[in-house]
Amino acid sequence: MDNKYLQTKSHPLLNLNHPILVKMKKKELSAKDKKLKIRLEKGIQDQDPPLYSRWRRLNRLLPSDPRCTTCMVPFEGPGGKLFEVVFNQKRSTLNPLMCNKCEEIGRRLDFGAEAEMSMLFADIRGSTPLAESMSPIEFKELIHRFYNETTHVLVHSYAIIDKLIGDEVTGYFIPTFVGGKDYAQRAVKAAQDILQVTGHANPEGPWAPVGVGVHTGTAYFGSVSSSDGLVELTALGDAVNTASRLASQAAAGEVVLSESTVRKADLETTNMERRTLELKGKSEPMNVWVLQVGNIIAAKELE
């Protein structure tokens, strides 16, 4: 390369803001994609149930699990084979929780919006001493079973599953995806079901000691991409952090509910314990309600 190019920022290889590189970094959306992005973001923000929920419910009827946590397209069984052969729709190689079509849309459109939602965090309590009492293979099998049981509950509750990290799972109950205004109630029901499937109602005790936290509030939800092309649909904001903190305060067999969740779900608190918690990163104490596994709330009939 000529030395004069090393002495100026006018050369396109040296100027990162040069129009050529800007165009290479971010391709302009087509008119069709712009309309789709607007529709997606408006649906999330306006809490418009028909936009996503109808086809998610239809896809859920097709066998079988596991399936895309965004659109409910199955990855296995006859349904999975149908979508793969006819629509070339299958599990993403970058994100195993999503199908390749949802992953591609999230990467291409980079959409997102603020929305009110209920956020559920569930994790295994005392996982460090639990791991010490098992062989690595045994602990791996425990975590694998925990993921399978909890994600099955969340997927069939119409939650969007964010991540599987270590000993924790996260699910977001968003009106647009859930299909109605009962998203907080569905989150509480899913929390109860998670305690059930992990054995907390069994006389001999749970096979995995799990605590759950549920909070309802406003957060940003949308696609987040990394430089290597990995795409996730995730939620960000203080409300998400609060839900995570509530889960960390839940003992095995407990569901810790924020007051906003109790109000939104219209729950009867007679069988719940009231606590005031000091949460990490919060300047003020937070009042919560605690649901014990032995005091399961009678849930209203859900579709």
C-alpha atoms as a PDB file:
ATOM      1  CA  MET A   1       0.000   0.000   0.000  1.00  0.00           C
ATOM      2  CA  ASP A   2       1.222   3.468  -0.879  1.00  0.00           C
ATOM      3  CA  ASN A   3       2.582   5.387   2.148  1.00  0.00           C
ATOM      4  CA  LYS A   4       0.296   8.312   1.371  1.00  0.00           C
ATOM      5  CA  TYR A   5      -2.668   6.104   2.365  1.00  0.00           C
ATOM      6  CA  LEU A   6      -1.113   5.564   5.788  1.00  0.00           C
ATOM      7  CA  GLN A   7      -0.936   9.299   6.371  1.00  0.00           C
ATOM      8  CA  THR A   8      -4.621  10.042   5.766  1.00  0.00           C
ATOM      9  CA  LYS A   9      -7.990   8.811   6.903  1.00  0.00           C
ATOM     10  CA  SER A  10      -9.536   9.363   3.512  1.00  0.00           C
ATOM     11  CA  HIS A  11      -8.737   5.861   2.309  1.00  0.00           C
ATOM     12  CA  PRO A  12     -11.775   3.568   2.809  1.00  0.00           C
ATOM     13  CA  LEU A  13      -9.704   0.893   4.538  1.00  0.00           C
ATOM     14  CA  LEU A  14      -8.574   3.370   7.196  1.00  0.00           C
ATOM     15  CA  ASN A  15     -11.786   5.342   7.722  1.00  0.00           C
ATOM     16  CA  LEU A  16     -14.341   3.227   9.585  1.00  0.00           C
ATOM     17  CA  ASN A  17     -17.047   5.810   8.899  1.00  0.00           C
ATOM     18  CA  HIS A  18     -16.484   5.747   5.169  1.00  0.00           C
ATOM     19  CA  PRO A  19     -19.797   5.177   3.331  1.00  0.00           C
ATOM     20  CA  ILE A  20     -18.462   1.992   1.744  1.00  0.00           C
ATOM     21  CA  LEU A  21     -17.772   0.365   5.109  1.00  0.00           C
ATOM     22  CA  VAL A  22     -20.953   1.708   6.668  1.00  0.00           C
ATOM     23  CA  LYS A  23     -22.946   0.108   3.875  1.00  0.00           C
ATOM     24  CA  MET A  24     -21.013  -3.143   4.334  1.00  0.00           C
ATOM     25  CA  LYS A  25     -21.640  -3.141   8.095  1.00  0.00           C
ATOM     26  CA  LYS A  26     -25.366  -2.485   7.991  1.00  0.00           C
ATOM     27  CA  LYS A  27     -27.421  -3.247   4.947  1.00  0.00           C
ATOM     28  CA  GLU A  28     -30.403  -0.989   4.352  1.00  0.00           C
ATOM     29  CA  LEU A  29     -33.717  -2.706   5.035  1.00  0.00           C
ATOM     30  CA  SER A  30     -36.037  -3.222   2.109  1.00  0.00           C
ATOM     31  CA  ALA A  31     -39.447  -1.546   2.126  1.00  0.00           C
ATOM     32  CA  LYS A  32     -41.031  -4.915   2.932  1.00  0.00           C
ATOM     33  CA  ASP A  33     -38.678  -5.507   5.884  1.00  0.00           C
ATOM     34  CA  LYS A  34     -39.264  -1.986   7.192  1.00  0.00           C
ATOM     35  CA  LYS A  35     -43.005  -2.636   7.276  1.00  0.00           C
ATOM     36  CA  LEU A  36     -42.458  -5.994   8.988  1.00  0.00           C
ATOM     37  CA  LYS A  37     -40.181  -4.423  11.608  1.00  0.00           C
ATOM     38  CA  ILE A  38     -42.743  -1.708  12.348  1.00  0.00           C
ATOM     39  CA  ARG A  39     -45.469  -4.336  12.639  1.00  0.00           C
ATOM     40  CA  LEU A  40     -43.400  -6.479  14.999  1.00  0.00           C
ATOM     41  CA  GLU A  41     -42.474  -3.572  17.257  1.00  0.00           C
ATOM     42  CA  LYS A  42     -45.993  -2.165  17.284  1.00  0.00           C
ATOM     43  CA  GLY A  43     -47.397  -5.575  18.184  1.00  0.00           C
ATOM     44  CA  ILE A  44     -45.026  -5.879  21.147  1.00  0.00           C
ATOM     45  CA  GLN A  45     -45.635  -2.331  22.345  1.00  0.00           C
ATOM     46  CA  ASP A  46     -49.414  -2.304  21.881  1.00  0.00           C
ATOM     47  CA  GLN A  47     -49.847  -5.747  23.468  1.00  0.00           C
ATOM     48  CA  ASP A  48     -51.719  -6.955  20.379  1.00  0.00           C
ATOM     49  CA  PRO A  49     -52.407 -10.672  21.021  1.00  0.00           C
ATOM     50  CA  PRO A  50     -53.548 -11.799  17.539  1.00  0.00           C
ATOM     51  CA  LEU A  51     -50.249 -10.760  15.920  1.00  0.00           C
ATOM     52  CA  TYR A  52     -48.245 -13.721  17.218  1.00  0.00           C
ATOM     53  CA  SER A  53     -50.383 -15.834  19.484  1.00  0.00           C
ATOM     54  CA  ARG A  54     -52.656 -17.434  16.902  1.00  0.00           C
ATOM     55  CA  TRP A  55     -49.944 -19.083  14.846  1.00  0.00           C
ATOM     56  CA  ARG A  56     -47.998 -20.000  17.996  1.00  0.00           C
ATOM     57  CA  ARG A  57     -51.068 -21.844  19.292  1.00  0.00           C
ATOM     58  CA  LEU A  58     -51.561 -23.604  15.967  1.00  0.00           C
ATOM     59  CA  ASN A  59     -47.906 -24.654  15.779  1.00  0.00           C
ATOM     60  CA  ARG A  60     -48.066 -25.971  19.330  1.00  0.00           C
ATOM     61  CA  LEU A  61     -50.672 -28.520  18.248  1.00  0.00           C
ATOM     62  CA  LEU A  62     -48.156 -30.178  15.922  1.00  0.00           C
ATOM     63  CA  PRO A  63     -45.913 -32.912  17.390  1.00  0.00           C
ATOM     64  CA  SER A  64     -43.456 -32.731  18.974  1.00  0.00           C
ATOM     65  CA  ASP A  65     -41.147 -31.165  21.555  1.00  0.00           C
ATOM     66  CA  PRO A  66     -38.550 -29.690  21.563  1.00  0.00           C
ATOM     67  CA  ARG A  67     -39.708 -26.703  19.543  1.00  0.00           C
ATOM     68  CA  CYS A  68     -38.834 -23.084  18.732  1.00  0.00           C
ATOM     69  CA  THR A  69     -39.635 -20.986  21.784  1.00  0.00           C
ATOM     70  CA  THR A  70     -40.542 -18.041  19.535  1.00  0.00           C
ATOM     71  CA  CYS A  71     -42.932 -19.491  16.944  1.00  0.00           C
ATOM     72  CA  MET A  72     -43.595 -22.961  18.496  1.00  0.00           C
ATOM     73  CA  VAL A  73     -42.564 -24.829  15.338  1.00  0.00           C
ATOM     74  CA  PRO A  74     -41.592 -28.373  16.398  1.00  0.00           C
ATOM     75  CA  PHE A  75     -38.072 -29.690  15.810  1.00  0.00           C
ATOM     76  CA  GLU A  76     -38.907 -33.382  16.219  1.00  0.00           C
ATOM     77  CA  GLY A  77     -41.656 -35.806  15.229  1.00  0.00           C
ATOM     78  CA  PRO A  78     -43.933 -35.608  12.179  1.00  0.00           C
ATOM     79  CA  GLY A  79     -44.489 -31.868  12.650  1.00  0.00           C
ATOM     80  CA  GLY A  80     -40.772 -31.158  12.727  1.00  0.00           C
ATOM     81  CA  LYS A  81     -40.196 -33.231   9.594  1.00  0.00           C
ATOM     82  CA  LEU A  82     -43.056 -31.427   7.820  1.00  0.00           C
ATOM     83  CA  PHE A  83     -41.664 -27.949   8.523  1.00  0.00           C
ATOM     84  CA  GLU A  84     -38.126 -28.990   7.591  1.00  0.00           C
ATOM     85  CA  VAL A  85     -39.073 -30.603   4.275  1.00  0.00           C
ATOM     86  CA  VAL A  86     -41.780 -28.172   3.141  1.00  0.00           C
ATOM     87  CA  PHE A  87     -40.596 -24.844   4.614  1.00  0.00           C
ATOM     88  CA  ASN A  88     -36.900 -25.551   5.323  1.00  0.00           C
ATOM     89  CA  GLN A  89     -37.660 -24.499   8.902  1.00  0.00           C
ATOM     90  CA  LYS A  90     -35.561 -26.253  11.517  1.00  0.00           C
ATOM     91  CA  ARG A  91     -33.480 -25.656  14.640  1.00  0.00           C
ATOM     92  CA  SER A  92     -31.038 -22.774  14.289  1.00  0.00           C
ATOM     93  CA  THR A  93     -27.365 -23.733  14.342  1.00  0.00           C
ATOM     94  CA  LEU A  94     -26.595 -20.534  16.277  1.00  0.00           C
ATOM     95  CA  ASN A  95     -29.353 -20.612  18.894  1.00  0.00           C
ATOM     96  CA  PRO A  96     -30.856 -24.043  19.714  1.00  0.00           C
ATOM     97  CA  LEU A  97     -33.894 -22.401  21.343  1.00  0.00           C
ATOM     98  CA  MET A  98     -34.965 -20.833  18.029  1.00  0.00           C
ATOM     99  CA  CYS A  99     -35.705 -22.044  14.538  1.00  0.00           C
ATOM    100  CA  ASN A 100     -33.586 -20.814  11.646  1.00  0.00           C
ATOM    101  CA  LYS A 101     -36.403 -18.589  10.328  1.00  0.00           C
ATOM    102  CA  CYS A 102     -36.972 -16.710  13.611  1.00  0.00           C
ATOM    103  CA  GLU A 103     -33.215 -16.378  14.088  1.00  0.00           C
ATOM    104  CA  GLU A 104     -32.825 -14.959  10.577  1.00  0.00           C
ATOM    105  CA  ILE A 105     -35.688 -12.468  11.054  1.00  0.00           C
ATOM    106  CA  GLY A 106     -34.241 -11.301  14.380  1.00  0.00           C
ATOM    107  CA  ARG A 107     -30.787 -10.866  12.860  1.00  0.00           C
ATOM    108  CA  ARG A 108     -32.034  -9.103   9.738  1.00  0.00           C
ATOM    109  CA  LEU A 109     -34.564  -6.749  11.304  1.00  0.00           C
ATOM    110  CA  ASP A 110     -32.912  -6.091  14.684  1.00  0.00           C
ATOM    111  CA  PHE A 111     -36.346  -5.257  16.129  1.00  0.00           C
ATOM    112  CA  GLY A 112     -37.407  -4.432  19.677  1.00  0.00           C
ATOM    113  CA  ALA A 113     -39.740  -2.334  21.823  1.00  0.00           C
ATOM    114  CA  GLU A 114     -40.738  -1.642  25.411  1.00  0.00           C
ATOM    115  CA  ALA A 115     -43.613  -3.715  26.743  1.00  0.00           C
ATOM    116  CA  GLU A 116     -45.209  -4.697  30.012  1.00  0.00           C
ATOM    117  CA  MET A 117     -44.614  -8.360  30.788  1.00  0.00           C
ATOM    118  CA  SER A 118     -44.206 -10.886  33.559  1.00  0.00           C
ATOM    119  CA  MET A 119     -40.698 -12.285  33.985  1.00  0.00           C
ATOM    120  CA  LEU A 120     -40.007 -15.668  35.585  1.00  0.00           C
ATOM    121  CA  PHE A 121     -36.640 -16.850  36.853  1.00  0.00           C
ATOM    122  CA  ALA A 122     -36.196 -20.354  38.281  1.00  0.00           C
ATOM    123  CA  ASP A 123     -32.974 -21.806  39.597  1.00  0.00           C
ATOM    124  CA  ILE A 124     -31.676 -24.731  41.580  1.00  0.00           C
ATOM    125  CA  ARG A 125     -30.953 -23.737  45.151  1.00  0.00           C
ATOM    126  CA  GLY A 126     -27.656 -24.870  46.657  1.00  0.00           C
ATOM    127  CA  SER A 127     -26.302 -26.136  43.357  1.00  0.00           C
ATOM    128  CA  THR A 128     -22.672 -25.884  44.517  1.00  0.00           C
ATOM    129  CA  PRO A 129     -22.969 -28.315  47.466  1.00  0.00           C
ATOM    130  CA  LEU A 130     -25.296 -30.421  45.319  1.00  0.00           C
ATOM    131  CA  ALA A 131     -22.598 -30.724  42.659  1.00  0.00           C
ATOM    132  CA  GLU A 132     -20.049 -31.670  45.327  1.00  0.00           C
ATOM    133  CA  SER A 133     -22.221 -34.616  46.375  1.00  0.00           C
ATOM    134  CA  MET A 134     -22.448 -35.992  42.824  1.00  0.00           C
ATOM    135  CA  SER A 135     -20.152 -37.112  40.070  1.00  0.00           C
ATOM    136  CA  PRO A 136     -19.862 -34.681  37.126  1.00  0.00           C
ATOM    137  CA  ILE A 137     -21.970 -37.019  34.961  1.00  0.00           C
ATOM    138  CA  GLU A 138     -24.679 -37.271  37.617  1.00  0.00           C
ATOM    139  CA  PHE A 139     -24.814 -33.485  38.000  1.00  0.00           C
ATOM    140  CA  LYS A 140     -24.959 -33.050  34.227  1.00  0.00           C
ATOM    141  CA  GLU A 141     -27.930 -35.440  34.086  1.00  0.00           C
ATOM    142  CA  LEU A 142     -29.667 -33.488  36.875  1.00  0.00           C
ATOM    143  CA  ILE A 143     -29.228 -30.178  35.023  1.00  0.00           C
ATOM    144  CA  HIS A 144     -30.362 -31.786  31.763  1.00  0.00           C
ATOM    145  CA  ARG A 145     -33.534 -33.060  33.424  1.00  0.00           C
ATOM    146  CA  PHE A 146     -34.102 -29.651  35.044  1.00  0.00           C
ATOM    147  CA  TYR A 147     -33.860 -27.946  31.648  1.00  0.00           C
ATOM    148  CA  ASN A 148     -36.188 -30.468  29.997  1.00  0.00           C
ATOM    149  CA  GLU A 149     -38.894 -30.280  32.678  1.00  0.00           C
ATOM    150  CA  THR A 150     -38.871 -26.505  33.142  1.00  0.00           C
ATOM    151  CA  THR A 151     -38.656 -25.552  29.471  1.00  0.00           C
ATOM    152  CA  HIS A 152     -41.555 -27.913  28.715  1.00  0.00           C
ATOM    153  CA  VAL A 153     -43.653 -26.015  31.272  1.00  0.00           C
ATOM    154  CA  LEU A 154     -42.606 -22.616  29.902  1.00  0.00           C
ATOM    155  CA  VAL A 155     -43.091 -23.486  26.231  1.00  0.00           C
ATOM    156  CA  HIS A 156     -46.572 -24.861  26.862  1.00  0.00           C
ATOM    157  CA  SER A 157     -47.405 -21.744  28.886  1.00  0.00           C
ATOM    158  CA  TYR A 158     -46.560 -19.652  25.785  1.00  0.00           C
ATOM    159  CA  ALA A 159     -43.547 -18.032  27.428  1.00  0.00           C
ATOM    160  CA  ILE A 160     -40.536 -16.860  25.462  1.00  0.00           C
ATOM    161  CA  ILE A 161     -37.526 -18.690  26.894  1.00  0.00           C
ATOM    162  CA  ASP A 162     -34.503 -16.442  27.036  1.00  0.00           C
ATOM    163  CA  LYS A 163     -31.529 -18.440  28.227  1.00  0.00           C
ATOM    164  CA  LEU A 164     -30.427 -21.663  29.847  1.00  0.00           C
ATOM    165  CA  ILE A 165     -27.550 -20.592  32.047  1.00  0.00           C
ATOM    166  CA  GLY A 166     -25.929 -22.966  34.521  1.00  0.00           C
ATOM    167  CA  ASP A 167     -28.680 -23.898  36.960  1.00  0.00           C
ATOM    168  CA  GLU A 168     -31.223 -21.257  35.872  1.00  0.00           C
ATOM    169  CA  VAL A 169     -33.993 -20.844  33.293  1.00  0.00           C
ATOM    170  CA  THR A 170     -35.748 -17.628  32.309  1.00  0.00           C
ATOM    171  CA  GLY A 171     -39.157 -17.117  30.717  1.00  0.00           C
ATOM    172  CA  TYR A 172     -40.949 -13.955  29.588  1.00  0.00           C
ATOM    173  CA  PHE A 173     -44.743 -13.787  29.476  1.00  0.00           C
ATOM    174  CA  ILE A 174     -45.606 -11.057  26.969  1.00  0.00           C
ATOM    175  CA  PRO A 175     -49.236 -10.289  26.062  1.00  0.00           C
ATOM    176  CA  THR A 176     -48.510 -10.377  22.334  1.00  0.00           C
ATOM    177  CA  PHE A 177     -47.090 -13.897  22.538  1.00  0.00           C
ATOM    178  CA  VAL A 178     -49.279 -15.273  25.327  1.00  0.00           C
ATOM    179  CA  GLY A 179     -52.471 -14.196  23.575  1.00  0.00           C
ATOM    180  CA  GLY A 180     -54.313 -12.187  26.199  1.00  0.00           C
ATOM    181  CA  LYS A 181     -54.282 -10.009  29.289  1.00  0.00           C
ATOM    182  CA  ASP A 182     -53.766 -12.983  31.629  1.00  0.00           C
ATOM    183  CA  TYR A 183     -49.985 -13.082  31.125  1.00  0.00           C
ATOM    184  CA  ALA A 184     -49.218 -12.460  34.827  1.00  0.00           C
ATOM    185  CA  GLN A 185     -51.584 -15.230  35.840  1.00  0.00           C
ATOM    186  CA  ARG A 186     -49.958 -17.597  33.363  1.00  0.00           C
ATOM    187  CA  ALA A 187     -46.544 -16.756  34.794  1.00  0.00           C
ATOM    188  CA  VAL A 188     -47.703 -17.595  38.327  1.00  0.00           C
ATOM    189  CA  LYS A 189     -49.294 -20.827  37.093  1.00  0.00           C
ATOM    190  CA  ALA A 190     -46.048 -21.758  35.299  1.00  0.00           C
ATOM    191  CA  ALA A 191     -44.076 -21.058  38.497  1.00  0.00           C
ATOM    192  CA  GLN A 192     -46.368 -23.423  40.412  1.00  0.00           C
ATOM    193  CA  ASP A 193     -46.032 -26.056  37.690  1.00  0.00           C
ATOM    194  CA  ILE A 194     -42.231 -25.818  37.831  1.00  0.00           C
ATOM    195  CA  LEU A 195     -42.326 -26.630  41.543  1.00  0.00           C
ATOM    196  CA  GLN A 196     -44.618 -29.559  40.778  1.00  0.00           C
ATOM    197  CA  VAL A 197     -42.494 -31.086  37.995  1.00  0.00           C
ATOM    198  CA  THR A 198     -39.336 -30.805  40.086  1.00  0.00           C
ATOM    199  CA  GLY A 199     -40.981 -32.897  42.793  1.00  0.00           C
ATOM    200  CA  HIS A 200     -41.625 -30.365  45.543  1.00  0.00           C
ATOM    201  CA  ALA A 201     -45.075 -31.786  46.229  1.00  0.00           C
ATOM    202  CA  ASN A 202     -43.706 -35.314  46.696  1.00  0.00           C
ATOM    203  CA  PRO A 203     -43.578 -36.651  50.265  1.00  0.00           C
ATOM    204  CA  GLU A 204     -39.986 -37.814  49.749  1.00  0.00           C
ATOM    205  CA  GLY A 205     -38.933 -34.340  48.631  1.00  0.00           C
ATOM    206  CA  PRO A 206     -37.872 -32.788  45.322  1.00  0.00           C
ATOM    207  CA  TRP A 207     -35.347 -34.351  42.974  1.00  0.00           C
ATOM    208  CA  ALA A 208     -34.076 -30.782  42.406  1.00  0.00           C
ATOM    209  CA  PRO A 209     -34.464 -28.001  45.014  1.00  0.00           C
ATOM    210  CA  VAL A 210     -35.846 -25.077  42.998  1.00  0.00           C
ATOM    211  CA  GLY A 211     -36.832 -21.519  43.888  1.00  0.00           C
ATOM    212  CA  VAL A 212     -38.786 -19.223  41.557  1.00  0.00           C
ATOM    213  CA  GLY A 213     -39.222 -15.460  41.297  1.00  0.00           C
ATOM    214  CA  VAL A 214     -41.872 -13.642  39.244  1.00  0.00           C
ATOM    215  CA  HIS A 215     -42.046  -9.902  38.644  1.00  0.00           C
ATOM    216  CA  THR A 216     -44.303  -7.828  36.381  1.00  0.00           C
ATOM    217  CA  GLY A 217     -43.153  -4.565  34.881  1.00  0.00           C
ATOM    218  CA  THR A 218     -41.983  -2.755  31.759  1.00  0.00           C
ATOM    219  CA  ALA A 219     -38.859  -3.933  29.948  1.00  0.00           C
ATOM    220  CA  TYR A 220     -37.279  -3.756  26.518  1.00  0.00           C
ATOM    221  CA  PHE A 221     -37.909  -6.908  24.488  1.00  0.00           C
ATOM    222  CA  GLY A 222     -36.348  -7.636  21.134  1.00  0.00           C
ATOM    223  CA  SER A 223     -33.511  -9.189  19.190  1.00  0.00           C
ATOM    224  CA  VAL A 224     -29.929  -8.737  20.335  1.00  0.00           C
ATOM    225  CA  SER A 225     -27.113  -9.773  18.011  1.00  0.00           C
ATOM    226  CA  SER A 226     -23.431 -10.438  18.641  1.00  0.00           C
ATOM    227  CA  SER A 227     -20.619  -9.700  16.198  1.00  0.00           C
ATOM    228  CA  ASP A 228     -20.316 -13.393  15.305  1.00  0.00           C
ATOM    229  CA  GLY A 229     -23.961 -13.602  14.224  1.00  0.00           C
ATOM    230  CA  LEU A 230     -25.549 -15.105  17.343  1.00  0.00           C
ATOM    231  CA  VAL A 231     -29.091 -13.775  17.786  1.00  0.00           C
ATOM    232  CA  GLU A 232     -31.248 -13.933  20.905  1.00  0.00           C
ATOM    233  CA  LEU A 233     -34.678 -12.614  21.745  1.00  0.00           C
ATOM    234  CA  THR A 234     -34.230 -11.192  25.195  1.00  0.00           C
ATOM    235  CA  ALA A 235     -35.575  -8.668  27.694  1.00  0.00           C
ATOM    236  CA  LEU A 236     -33.507  -5.903  29.248  1.00  0.00           C
ATOM    237  CA  GLY A 237     -34.053  -3.366  31.999  1.00  0.00           C
ATOM    238  CA  ASP A 238     -34.522  -2.860  35.716  1.00  0.00           C
ATOM    239  CA  ALA A 239     -37.667  -5.013  35.820  1.00  0.00           C
ATOM    240  CA  VAL A 240     -35.698  -8.003  34.508  1.00  0.00           C
ATOM    241  CA  ASN A 241     -33.011  -7.497  37.150  1.00  0.00           C
ATOM    242  CA  THR A 242     -35.708  -7.309  39.826  1.00  0.00           C
ATOM    243  CA  ALA A 243     -37.191 -10.654  38.741  1.00  0.00           C
ATOM    244  CA  SER A 244     -33.754 -12.246  38.913  1.00  0.00           C
ATOM    245  CA  ARG A 245     -33.186 -10.845  42.410  1.00  0.00           C
ATOM    246  CA  LEU A 246     -36.547 -12.220  43.584  1.00  0.00           C
ATOM    247  CA  ALA A 247     -35.575 -15.699  42.395  1.00  0.00           C
ATOM    248  CA  SER A 248     -32.312 -15.480  44.320  1.00  0.00           C
ATOM    249  CA  GLN A 249     -34.352 -14.832  47.499  1.00  0.00           C
ATOM    250  CA  ALA A 250     -36.663 -17.806  46.984  1.00  0.00           C
ATOM    251  CA  ALA A 251     -35.897 -20.879  49.055  1.00  0.00           C
ATOM    252  CA  ALA A 252     -36.439 -24.359  47.640  1.00  0.00           C
ATOM    253  CA  GLY A 253     -40.159 -24.912  47.114  1.00  0.00           C
ATOM    254  CA  GLU A 254     -41.020 -21.189  47.136  1.00  0.00           C
ATOM    255  CA  VAL A 255     -42.347 -18.758  44.546  1.00  0.00           C
ATOM    256  CA  VAL A 256     -41.551 -15.131  45.392  1.00  0.00           C
ATOM    257  CA  LEU A 257     -44.033 -12.752  43.758  1.00  0.00           C
ATOM    258  CA  SER A 258     -43.756  -8.989  43.478  1.00  0.00           C
ATOM    259  CA  GLU A 259     -46.781  -6.920  44.477  1.00  0.00           C
ATOM    260  CA  SER A 260     -47.210  -5.839  40.837  1.00  0.00           C
ATOM    261  CA  THR A 261     -47.528  -9.510  39.831  1.00  0.00           C
ATOM    262  CA  VAL A 262     -50.074 -10.229  42.562  1.00  0.00           C
ATOM    263  CA  ARG A 263     -52.151  -7.223  41.494  1.00  0.00           C
ATOM    264  CA  LYS A 264     -51.947  -7.945  37.782  1.00  0.00           C
ATOM    265  CA  ALA A 265     -52.830 -11.620  38.257  1.00  0.00           C
ATOM    266  CA  ASP A 266     -55.625 -10.691  40.683  1.00  0.00           C
ATOM    267  CA  LEU A 267     -54.457 -13.271  43.218  1.00  0.00           C
ATOM    268  CA  GLU A 268     -55.974 -14.063  46.578  1.00  0.00           C
ATOM    269  CA  THR A 269     -53.197 -13.657  49.170  1.00  0.00           C
ATOM    270  CA  THR A 270     -54.824 -15.581  52.041  1.00  0.00           C
ATOM    271  CA  ASN A 271     -52.491 -18.560  51.653  1.00  0.00           C
ATOM    272  CA  MET A 272     -49.377 -16.498  51.001  1.00  0.00           C
ATOM    273  CA  GLU A 273     -46.731 -15.083  53.319  1.00  0.00           C
ATOM    274  CA  ARG A 274     -45.844 -11.391  53.130  1.00  0.00           C
ATOM    275  CA  ARG A 275     -42.169 -10.428  53.359  1.00  0.00           C
ATOM    276  CA  THR A 276     -40.048  -7.331  52.975  1.00  0.00           C
ATOM    277  CA  LEU A 277     -36.788  -7.982  51.143  1.00  0.00           C
ATOM    278  CA  GLU A 278     -33.559  -6.079  50.738  1.00  0.00           C
ATOM    279  CA  LEU A 279     -32.616  -6.738  47.125  1.00  0.00           C
ATOM    280  CA  LYS A 280     -29.101  -6.271  45.789  1.00  0.00           C
ATOM    281  CA  GLY A 281     -28.824  -3.075  43.761  1.00  0.00           C
ATOM    282  CA  LYS A 282     -32.125  -1.675  45.085  1.00  0.00           C
ATOM    283  CA  SER A 283     -32.121   1.446  47.229  1.00  0.00           C
ATOM    284  CA  GLU A 284     -35.474   0.696  48.868  1.00  0.00           C
ATOM    285  CA  PRO A 285     -36.833  -2.503  50.501  1.00  0.00           C
ATOM    286  CA  MET A 286     -39.380  -4.386  48.407  1.00  0.00           C
ATOM    287  CA  ASN A 287     -42.609  -5.933  49.664  1.00  0.00           C
ATOM    288  CA  VAL A 288     -43.324  -9.360  48.196  1.00  0.00           C
ATOM    289  CA  TRP A 289     -45.680 -12.288  48.581  1.00  0.00           C
ATOM    290  CA  VAL A 290     -44.349 -15.827  48.984  1.00  0.00           C
ATOM    291  CA  LEU A 291     -46.202 -18.859  47.722  1.00  0.00           C
ATOM    292  CA  GLN A 292     -45.177 -22.152  49.330  1.00  0.00           C
ATOM    293  CA  VAL A 293     -45.452 -25.382  47.399  1.00  0.00           C
ATOM    294  CA  GLY A 294     -47.940 -26.684  49.961  1.00  0.00           C
ATOM    295  CA  ASN A 295     -50.293 -23.762  49.316  1.00  0.00           C
ATOM    296  CA  ILE A 296     -50.858 -23.922  45.586  1.00  0.00           C
ATOM    297  CA  ILE A 297     -53.236 -21.240  44.372  1.00  0.00           C
ATOM    298  CA  ALA A 298     -56.306 -22.454  42.556  1.00  0.00           C
ATOM    299  CA  ALA A 299     -55.703 -21.036  39.088  1.00  0.00           C
ATOM    300  CA  LYS A 300     -58.533 -19.799  36.893  1.00  0.00           C
ATOM    301  CA  GLU A 301     -59.348 -21.809  33.803  1.00  0.00           C
ATOM    302  CA  LEU A 302     -56.821 -21.016  31.066  1.00  0.00           C
ATOM    303  CA  GLU A 303     -57.080 -21.779  27.406  1.00  0.00           C
END
